[in-house]
PDB file of N, CA and C in Angstrom:
ATOM      1  N   ALA A   1      -3.797  31.417 -66.926  1.00  0.00           N
ATOM      2  CA  ALA A   1      -1.977  30.856 -66.708  1.00  0.00           C
ATOM      3  C   ALA A   1      -1.616  31.391 -65.697  1.00  0.00           C
ATOM      4  N   VAL A   2      -1.815  33.424 -65.913  1.00  0.00           N
ATOM      5  CA  VAL A   2      -0.762  34.189 -64.725  1.00  0.00           C
ATOM      6  C   VAL A   2      -1.319  33.515 -63.448  1.00  0.00           C
ATOM      7  N   SER A   3      -2.537  32.995 -62.704  1.00  0.00           N
ATOM      8  CA  SER A   3      -2.772  32.758 -61.828  1.00  0.00           C
ATOM      9  C   SER A   3      -2.066  31.266 -61.419  1.00  0.00           C
ATOM     10  N   GLY A   4      -1.948  30.242 -62.300  1.00  0.00           N
ATOM     11  CA  GLY A   4      -1.167  29.251 -62.354  1.00  0.00           C
ATOM     12  C   GLY A   4       0.371  29.093 -61.809  1.00  0.00           C
ATOM     13  N   HIS A   5       0.717  30.412 -62.435  1.00  0.00           N
ATOM     14  CA  HIS A   5       2.371  30.740 -62.506  1.00  0.00           C
ATOM     15  C   HIS A   5       2.428  31.386 -61.146  1.00  0.00           C
ATOM     16  N   THR A   6       1.479  32.228 -60.604  1.00  0.00           N
ATOM     17  CA  THR A   6       1.502  32.759 -59.427  1.00  0.00           C
ATOM     18  C   THR A   6       1.691  31.504 -58.450  1.00  0.00           C
ATOM     19  N   VAL A   7       0.838  30.776 -58.261  1.00  0.00           N
ATOM     20  CA  VAL A   7       0.784  29.419 -57.436  1.00  0.00           C
ATOM     21  C   VAL A   7       2.272  28.741 -57.349  1.00  0.00           C
ATOM     22  N   SER A   8       2.367  28.263 -58.598  1.00  0.00           N
ATOM     23  CA  SER A   8       3.620  27.500 -58.884  1.00  0.00           C
ATOM     24  C   SER A   8       4.810  28.137 -58.391  1.00  0.00           C
ATOM     25  N   ALA A   9       5.198  29.423 -58.509  1.00  0.00           N
ATOM     26  CA  ALA A   9       6.258  30.276 -58.439  1.00  0.00           C
ATOM     27  C   ALA A   9       6.146  30.528 -56.701  1.00  0.00           C
ATOM     28  N   TYR A  10       5.292  30.750 -56.008  1.00  0.00           N
ATOM     29  CA  TYR A  10       4.809  30.720 -54.662  1.00  0.00           C
ATOM     30  C   TYR A  10       5.225  29.396 -53.832  1.00  0.00           C
ATOM     31  N   MET A  11       4.875  28.265 -54.472  1.00  0.00           N
ATOM     32  CA  MET A  11       5.413  27.220 -53.941  1.00  0.00           C
ATOM     33  C   MET A  11       6.900  26.858 -54.121  1.00  0.00           C
ATOM     34  N   LYS A  12       7.464  27.209 -54.900  1.00  0.00           N
ATOM     35  CA  LYS A  12       9.000  27.098 -55.645  1.00  0.00           C
ATOM     36  C   LYS A  12       9.777  27.824 -54.570  1.00  0.00           C
ATOM     37  N   TYR A  13       9.315  29.158 -54.769  1.00  0.00           N
ATOM     38  CA  TYR A  13      10.434  30.136 -53.918  1.00  0.00           C
ATOM     39  C   TYR A  13      10.125  30.271 -52.849  1.00  0.00           C
ATOM     40  N   LYS A  14       9.067  30.312 -51.879  1.00  0.00           N
ATOM     41  CA  LYS A  14       8.489  30.543 -50.465  1.00  0.00           C
ATOM     42  C   LYS A  14       9.837  29.597 -49.968  1.00  0.00           C
ATOM     43  N   PRO A  15       9.355  28.383 -49.576  1.00  0.00           N
ATOM     44  CA  PRO A  15       8.565  27.690 -50.164  1.00  0.00           C
ATOM     45  C   PRO A  15       7.254  27.141 -49.514  1.00  0.00           C
ATOM     46  N   ALA A  16       6.150  26.829 -50.202  1.00  0.00           N
ATOM     47  CA  ALA A  16       5.041  26.690 -49.756  1.00  0.00           C
ATOM     48  C   ALA A  16       4.118  25.106 -50.164  1.00  0.00           C
ATOM     49  N   THR A  17       3.364  25.250 -49.674  1.00  0.00           N
ATOM     50  CA  THR A  17       2.174  23.977 -49.978  1.00  0.00           C
ATOM     51  C   THR A  17       1.445  24.722 -51.121  1.00  0.00           C
ATOM     52  N   LEU A  18       0.541  23.633 -51.986  1.00  0.00           N
ATOM     53  CA  LEU A  18      -0.619  23.924 -52.632  1.00  0.00           C
ATOM     54  C   LEU A  18      -1.422  24.848 -51.849  1.00  0.00           C
ATOM     55  N   GLU A  19      -1.694  24.902 -50.521  1.00  0.00           N
ATOM     56  CA  GLU A  19      -2.992  25.213 -50.417  1.00  0.00           C
ATOM     57  C   GLU A  19      -2.413  26.602 -49.546  1.00  0.00           C
ATOM     58  N   GLU A  20      -1.198  26.998 -49.041  1.00  0.00           N
ATOM     59  CA  GLU A  20      -0.642  28.134 -48.961  1.00  0.00           C
ATOM     60  C   GLU A  20      -0.620  28.727 -49.490  1.00  0.00           C
ATOM     61  N   ALA A  21      -0.044  28.258 -51.076  1.00  0.00           N
ATOM     62  CA  ALA A  21       0.298  29.075 -52.198  1.00  0.00           C
ATOM     63  C   ALA A  21      -1.606  29.500 -53.136  1.00  0.00           C
ATOM     64  N   GLY A  22      -2.100  28.600 -52.659  1.00  0.00           N
ATOM     65  CA  GLY A  22      -3.777  28.884 -53.464  1.00  0.00           C
ATOM     66  C   GLY A  22      -4.183  29.953 -52.331  1.00  0.00           C
ATOM     67  N   ASP A  23      -3.998  29.653 -51.172  1.00  0.00           N
ATOM     68  CA  ASP A  23      -4.548  30.570 -50.393  1.00  0.00           C
ATOM     69  C   ASP A  23      -4.384  31.920 -50.422  1.00  0.00           C
ATOM     70  N   TYR A  24      -3.092  32.418 -50.535  1.00  0.00           N
ATOM     71  CA  TYR A  24      -2.043  33.560 -50.781  1.00  0.00           C
ATOM     72  C   TYR A  24      -2.714  34.012 -52.248  1.00  0.00           C
ATOM     73  N   LEU A  25      -3.170  33.261 -53.226  1.00  0.00           N
ATOM     74  CA  LEU A  25      -3.742  34.170 -54.348  1.00  0.00           C
ATOM     75  C   LEU A  25      -5.218  34.457 -54.671  1.00  0.00           C
ATOM     76  N   LEU A  26      -5.920  33.604 -53.924  1.00  0.00           N
ATOM     77  CA  LEU A  26      -7.242  34.064 -53.753  1.00  0.00           C
ATOM     78  C   LEU A  26      -7.508  35.423 -52.860  1.00  0.00           C
ATOM     79  N   GLN A  27      -6.913  35.322 -51.250  1.00  0.00           N
ATOM     80  CA  GLN A  27      -6.578  35.955 -50.056  1.00  0.00           C
ATOM     81  C   GLN A  27      -5.790  37.442 -50.573  1.00  0.00           C
ATOM     82  N   ASP A  28      -4.447  37.447 -50.889  1.00  0.00           N
ATOM     83  CA  ASP A  28      -3.845  38.670 -50.830  1.00  0.00           C
ATOM     84  C   ASP A  28      -3.504  38.892 -52.567  1.00  0.00           C
ATOM     85  N   VAL A  29      -3.506  38.348 -53.461  1.00  0.00           N
ATOM     86  CA  VAL A  29      -3.641  38.892 -54.838  1.00  0.00           C
ATOM     87  C   VAL A  29      -4.816  39.715 -55.728  1.00  0.00           C
ATOM     88  N   LEU A  30      -5.214  38.471 -55.672  1.00  0.00           N
ATOM     89  CA  LEU A  30      -6.804  38.607 -56.261  1.00  0.00           C
ATOM     90  C   LEU A  30      -8.025  39.558 -55.565  1.00  0.00           C
ATOM     91  N   ASN A  31      -8.993  40.299 -56.039  1.00  0.00           N
ATOM     92  CA  ASN A  31      -9.583  41.138 -55.952  1.00  0.00           C
ATOM     93  C   ASN A  31     -11.039  39.900 -54.966  1.00  0.00           C
ATOM     94  N   PRO A  32     -11.614  40.157 -53.952  1.00  0.00           N
ATOM     95  CA  PRO A  32     -12.843  39.695 -53.117  1.00  0.00           C
ATOM     96  C   PRO A  32     -13.656  39.430 -54.406  1.00  0.00           C
ATOM     97  N   GLY A  33     -14.370  38.369 -54.712  1.00  0.00           N
ATOM     98  CA  GLY A  33     -15.334  38.148 -55.458  1.00  0.00           C
ATOM     99  C   GLY A  33     -14.983  37.870 -57.185  1.00  0.00           C
ATOM    100  N   GLU A  34     -13.381  38.262 -57.142  1.00  0.00           N
ATOM    101  CA  GLU A  34     -12.814  37.806 -58.177  1.00  0.00           C
ATOM    102  C   GLU A  34     -13.191  36.249 -58.838  1.00  0.00           C
ATOM    103  N   ALA A  35     -12.494  35.286 -58.243  1.00  0.00           N
ATOM    104  CA  ALA A  35     -11.943  33.992 -58.768  1.00  0.00           C
ATOM    105  C   ALA A  35     -12.325  32.992 -57.770  1.00  0.00           C
ATOM    106  N   GLY A  36     -12.234  31.569 -58.576  1.00  0.00           N
ATOM    107  CA  GLY A  36     -11.588  30.407 -57.828  1.00  0.00           C
ATOM    108  C   GLY A  36     -10.857  29.694 -58.282  1.00  0.00           C
ATOM    109  N   MET A  37     -10.281  28.568 -57.944  1.00  0.00           N
ATOM    110  CA  MET A  37      -9.181  27.669 -58.579  1.00  0.00           C
ATOM    111  C   MET A  37      -9.006  26.411 -58.059  1.00  0.00           C
ATOM    112  N   ILE A  38      -9.078  25.471 -58.945  1.00  0.00           N
ATOM    113  CA  ILE A  38      -8.847  24.140 -58.622  1.00  0.00           C
ATOM    114  C   ILE A  38      -7.600  23.767 -59.135  1.00  0.00           C
ATOM    115  N   ALA A  39      -6.854  23.179 -58.137  1.00  0.00           N
ATOM    116  CA  ALA A  39      -5.369  22.778 -58.787  1.00  0.00           C
ATOM    117  C   ALA A  39      -4.742  21.410 -58.043  1.00  0.00           C
ATOM    118  N   VAL A  40      -4.138  20.523 -58.739  1.00  0.00           N
ATOM    119  CA  VAL A  40      -3.376  19.561 -57.998  1.00  0.00           C
ATOM    120  C   VAL A  40      -1.818  19.606 -57.982  1.00  0.00           C
ATOM    121  N   ASP A  41      -1.084  19.491 -57.208  1.00  0.00           N
ATOM    122  CA  ASP A  41       0.085  19.503 -56.935  1.00  0.00           C
ATOM    123  C   ASP A  41       0.731  17.659 -57.732  1.00  0.00           C
ATOM    124  N   LYS A  42       2.185  17.891 -57.761  1.00  0.00           N
ATOM    125  CA  LYS A  42       3.010  16.718 -58.010  1.00  0.00           C
ATOM    126  C   LYS A  42       2.703  15.562 -57.177  1.00  0.00           C
ATOM    127  N   TYR A  43       2.158  15.669 -55.973  1.00  0.00           N
ATOM    128  CA  TYR A  43       1.765  14.568 -54.934  1.00  0.00           C
ATOM    129  C   TYR A  43       0.642  14.312 -55.004  1.00  0.00           C
ATOM    130  N   GLY A  44      -0.356  14.648 -55.955  1.00  0.00           N
ATOM    131  CA  GLY A  44      -1.500  14.823 -55.918  1.00  0.00           C
ATOM    132  C   GLY A  44      -2.568  15.412 -55.214  1.00  0.00           C
ATOM    133  N   ASN A  45      -2.056  16.367 -54.233  1.00  0.00           N
ATOM    134  CA  ASN A  45      -2.875  17.219 -53.221  1.00  0.00           C
ATOM    135  C   ASN A  45      -3.687  17.718 -54.559  1.00  0.00           C
ATOM    136  N   ILE A  46      -5.260  17.938 -53.861  1.00  0.00           N
ATOM    137  CA  ILE A  46      -5.896  18.733 -54.458  1.00  0.00           C
ATOM    138  C   ILE A  46      -6.580  20.434 -53.523  1.00  0.00           C
ATOM    139  N   TYR A  47      -6.284  21.024 -54.110  1.00  0.00           N
ATOM    140  CA  TYR A  47      -6.721  22.522 -53.990  1.00  0.00           C
ATOM    141  C   TYR A  47      -7.779  23.111 -54.446  1.00  0.00           C
ATOM    142  N   MET A  48      -8.925  23.152 -53.885  1.00  0.00           N
ATOM    143  CA  MET A  48     -10.111  23.739 -54.952  1.00  0.00           C
ATOM    144  C   MET A  48     -10.730  25.192 -53.472  1.00  0.00           C
ATOM    145  N   ASP A  49     -11.127  25.998 -54.060  1.00  0.00           N
ATOM    146  CA  ASP A  49     -11.169  27.145 -53.403  1.00  0.00           C
ATOM    147  C   ASP A  49     -11.360  28.315 -53.826  1.00  0.00           C
ATOM    148  N   MET A  50     -11.953  29.344 -53.448  1.00  0.00           N
ATOM    149  CA  MET A  50     -12.651  30.643 -54.724  1.00  0.00           C
ATOM    150  C   MET A  50     -13.023  31.724 -53.277  1.00  0.00           C
ATOM    151  N   ASN A  51     -12.846  32.810 -54.286  1.00  0.00           N
ATOM    152  CA  ASN A  51     -12.903  34.366 -52.902  1.00  0.00           C
ATOM    153  C   ASN A  51     -14.077  34.694 -53.348  1.00  0.00           C
ATOM    154  N   THR A  52     -15.294  33.603 -54.023  1.00  0.00           N
ATOM    155  CA  THR A  52     -16.916  34.304 -54.493  1.00  0.00           C
ATOM    156  C   THR A  52     -17.658  33.710 -53.103  1.00  0.00           C
ATOM    157  N   ASN A  53     -18.893  34.197 -53.996  1.00  0.00           N
ATOM    158  CA  ASN A  53     -19.923  33.270 -53.077  1.00  0.00           C
ATOM    159  C   ASN A  53     -20.091  31.733 -53.023  1.00  0.00           C
ATOM    160  N   GLY A  54     -19.817  31.517 -54.483  1.00  0.00           N
ATOM    161  CA  GLY A  54     -19.757  29.800 -54.754  1.00  0.00           C
ATOM    162  C   GLY A  54     -19.171  29.560 -55.728  1.00  0.00           C
ATOM    163  N   MET A  55     -18.680  28.614 -55.930  1.00  0.00           N
ATOM    164  CA  MET A  55     -18.027  27.581 -57.250  1.00  0.00           C
ATOM    165  C   MET A  55     -18.662  26.229 -57.495  1.00  0.00           C
ATOM    166  N   PHE A  56     -19.111  25.976 -58.524  1.00  0.00           N
ATOM    167  CA  PHE A  56     -19.221  24.386 -58.625  1.00  0.00           C
ATOM    168  C   PHE A  56     -17.512  23.903 -59.239  1.00  0.00           C
ATOM    169  N   ARG A  57     -17.596  22.855 -58.156  1.00  0.00           N
ATOM    170  CA  ARG A  57     -16.044  21.762 -58.332  1.00  0.00           C
ATOM    171  C   ARG A  57     -16.414  20.420 -57.755  1.00  0.00           C
ATOM    172  N   GLY A  58     -15.775  19.660 -57.976  1.00  0.00           N
ATOM    173  CA  GLY A  58     -15.190  18.372 -57.947  1.00  0.00           C
ATOM    174  C   GLY A  58     -14.098  17.835 -57.835  1.00  0.00           C
ATOM    175  N   SER A  59     -13.986  16.673 -57.711  1.00  0.00           N
ATOM    176  CA  SER A  59     -12.419  16.204 -57.915  1.00  0.00           C
ATOM    177  C   SER A  59     -12.666  14.832 -57.392  1.00  0.00           C
ATOM    178  N   SER A  60     -11.749  13.655 -57.482  1.00  0.00           N
ATOM    179  CA  SER A  60     -11.968  12.403 -57.612  1.00  0.00           C
ATOM    180  C   SER A  60     -10.397  12.015 -57.240  1.00  0.00           C
ATOM    181  N   ASP A  61      -9.899  10.601 -56.484  1.00  0.00           N
ATOM    182  CA  ASP A  61      -8.697  10.866 -56.272  1.00  0.00           C
ATOM    183  C   ASP A  61      -8.326   8.925 -57.011  1.00  0.00           C
ATOM    184  N   SER A  62      -7.576   8.439 -57.051  1.00  0.00           N
ATOM    185  CA  SER A  62      -6.978   6.982 -57.327  1.00  0.00           C
ATOM    186  C   SER A  62      -7.853   6.259 -56.023  1.00  0.00           C
ATOM    187  N   GLU A  63      -7.777   6.625 -54.887  1.00  0.00           N
ATOM    188  CA  GLU A  63      -8.448   5.939 -53.579  1.00  0.00           C
ATOM    189  C   GLU A  63      -9.980   5.740 -53.560  1.00  0.00           C
ATOM    190  N   GLY A  64     -10.788   6.418 -54.768  1.00  0.00           N
ATOM    191  CA  GLY A  64     -12.368   6.680 -54.462  1.00  0.00           C
ATOM    192  C   GLY A  64     -12.801   7.612 -53.967  1.00  0.00           C
ATOM    193  N   ASN A  65     -11.998   8.389 -53.414  1.00  0.00           N
ATOM    194  CA  ASN A  65     -12.381   9.921 -52.400  1.00  0.00           C
ATOM    195  C   ASN A  65     -13.169  10.748 -53.622  1.00  0.00           C
ATOM    196  N   ARG A  66     -14.321  11.048 -53.109  1.00  0.00           N
ATOM    197  CA  ARG A  66     -14.991  11.888 -54.554  1.00  0.00           C
ATOM    198  C   ARG A  66     -15.335  13.134 -53.801  1.00  0.00           C
ATOM    199  N   GLU A  67     -15.719  14.298 -54.021  1.00  0.00           N
ATOM    200  CA  GLU A  67     -16.068  15.645 -53.646  1.00  0.00           C
ATOM    201  C   GLU A  67     -16.818  16.150 -54.595  1.00  0.00           C
ATOM    202  N   VAL A  68     -17.802  16.697 -54.281  1.00  0.00           N
ATOM    203  CA  VAL A  68     -18.357  17.828 -54.796  1.00  0.00           C
ATOM    204  C   VAL A  68     -19.054  18.757 -54.426  1.00  0.00           C
ATOM    205  N   ALA A  69     -18.969  19.974 -54.496  1.00  0.00           N
ATOM    206  CA  ALA A  69     -19.443  21.082 -53.909  1.00  0.00           C
ATOM    207  C   ALA A  69     -20.041  22.523 -54.956  1.00  0.00           C
ATOM    208  N   ILE A  70     -20.580  23.118 -54.291  1.00  0.00           N
ATOM    209  CA  ILE A  70     -21.325  24.510 -54.844  1.00  0.00           C
ATOM    210  C   ILE A  70     -20.594  25.659 -53.952  1.00  0.00           C
ATOM    211  N   TRP A  71     -21.172  25.389 -52.828  1.00  0.00           N
ATOM    212  CA  TRP A  71     -20.849  26.988 -51.625  1.00  0.00           C
ATOM    213  C   TRP A  71     -19.465  26.021 -50.824  1.00  0.00           C
ATOM    214  N   ASP A  72     -19.581  26.831 -49.935  1.00  0.00           N
ATOM    215  CA  ASP A  72     -17.755  26.194 -49.089  1.00  0.00           C
ATOM    216  C   ASP A  72     -19.009  25.125 -48.053  1.00  0.00           C
TER     217      ASP A  72
END
């Protein structure tokens, strides 16, 4: 919950994109090897990244685009 608030506040007050805010959280706030994040903004942009060796993740959008990944 705190990570979500950090990303939301960064987007609002910087202002920044979802990708910029997610990268800020994972690279500058959290310790390496500590976390991953999957987030969607109000425009439907999907952010999936981590500062770990791997993270199971997946997404699908209304246009039928699908992504499934474990590592980079």
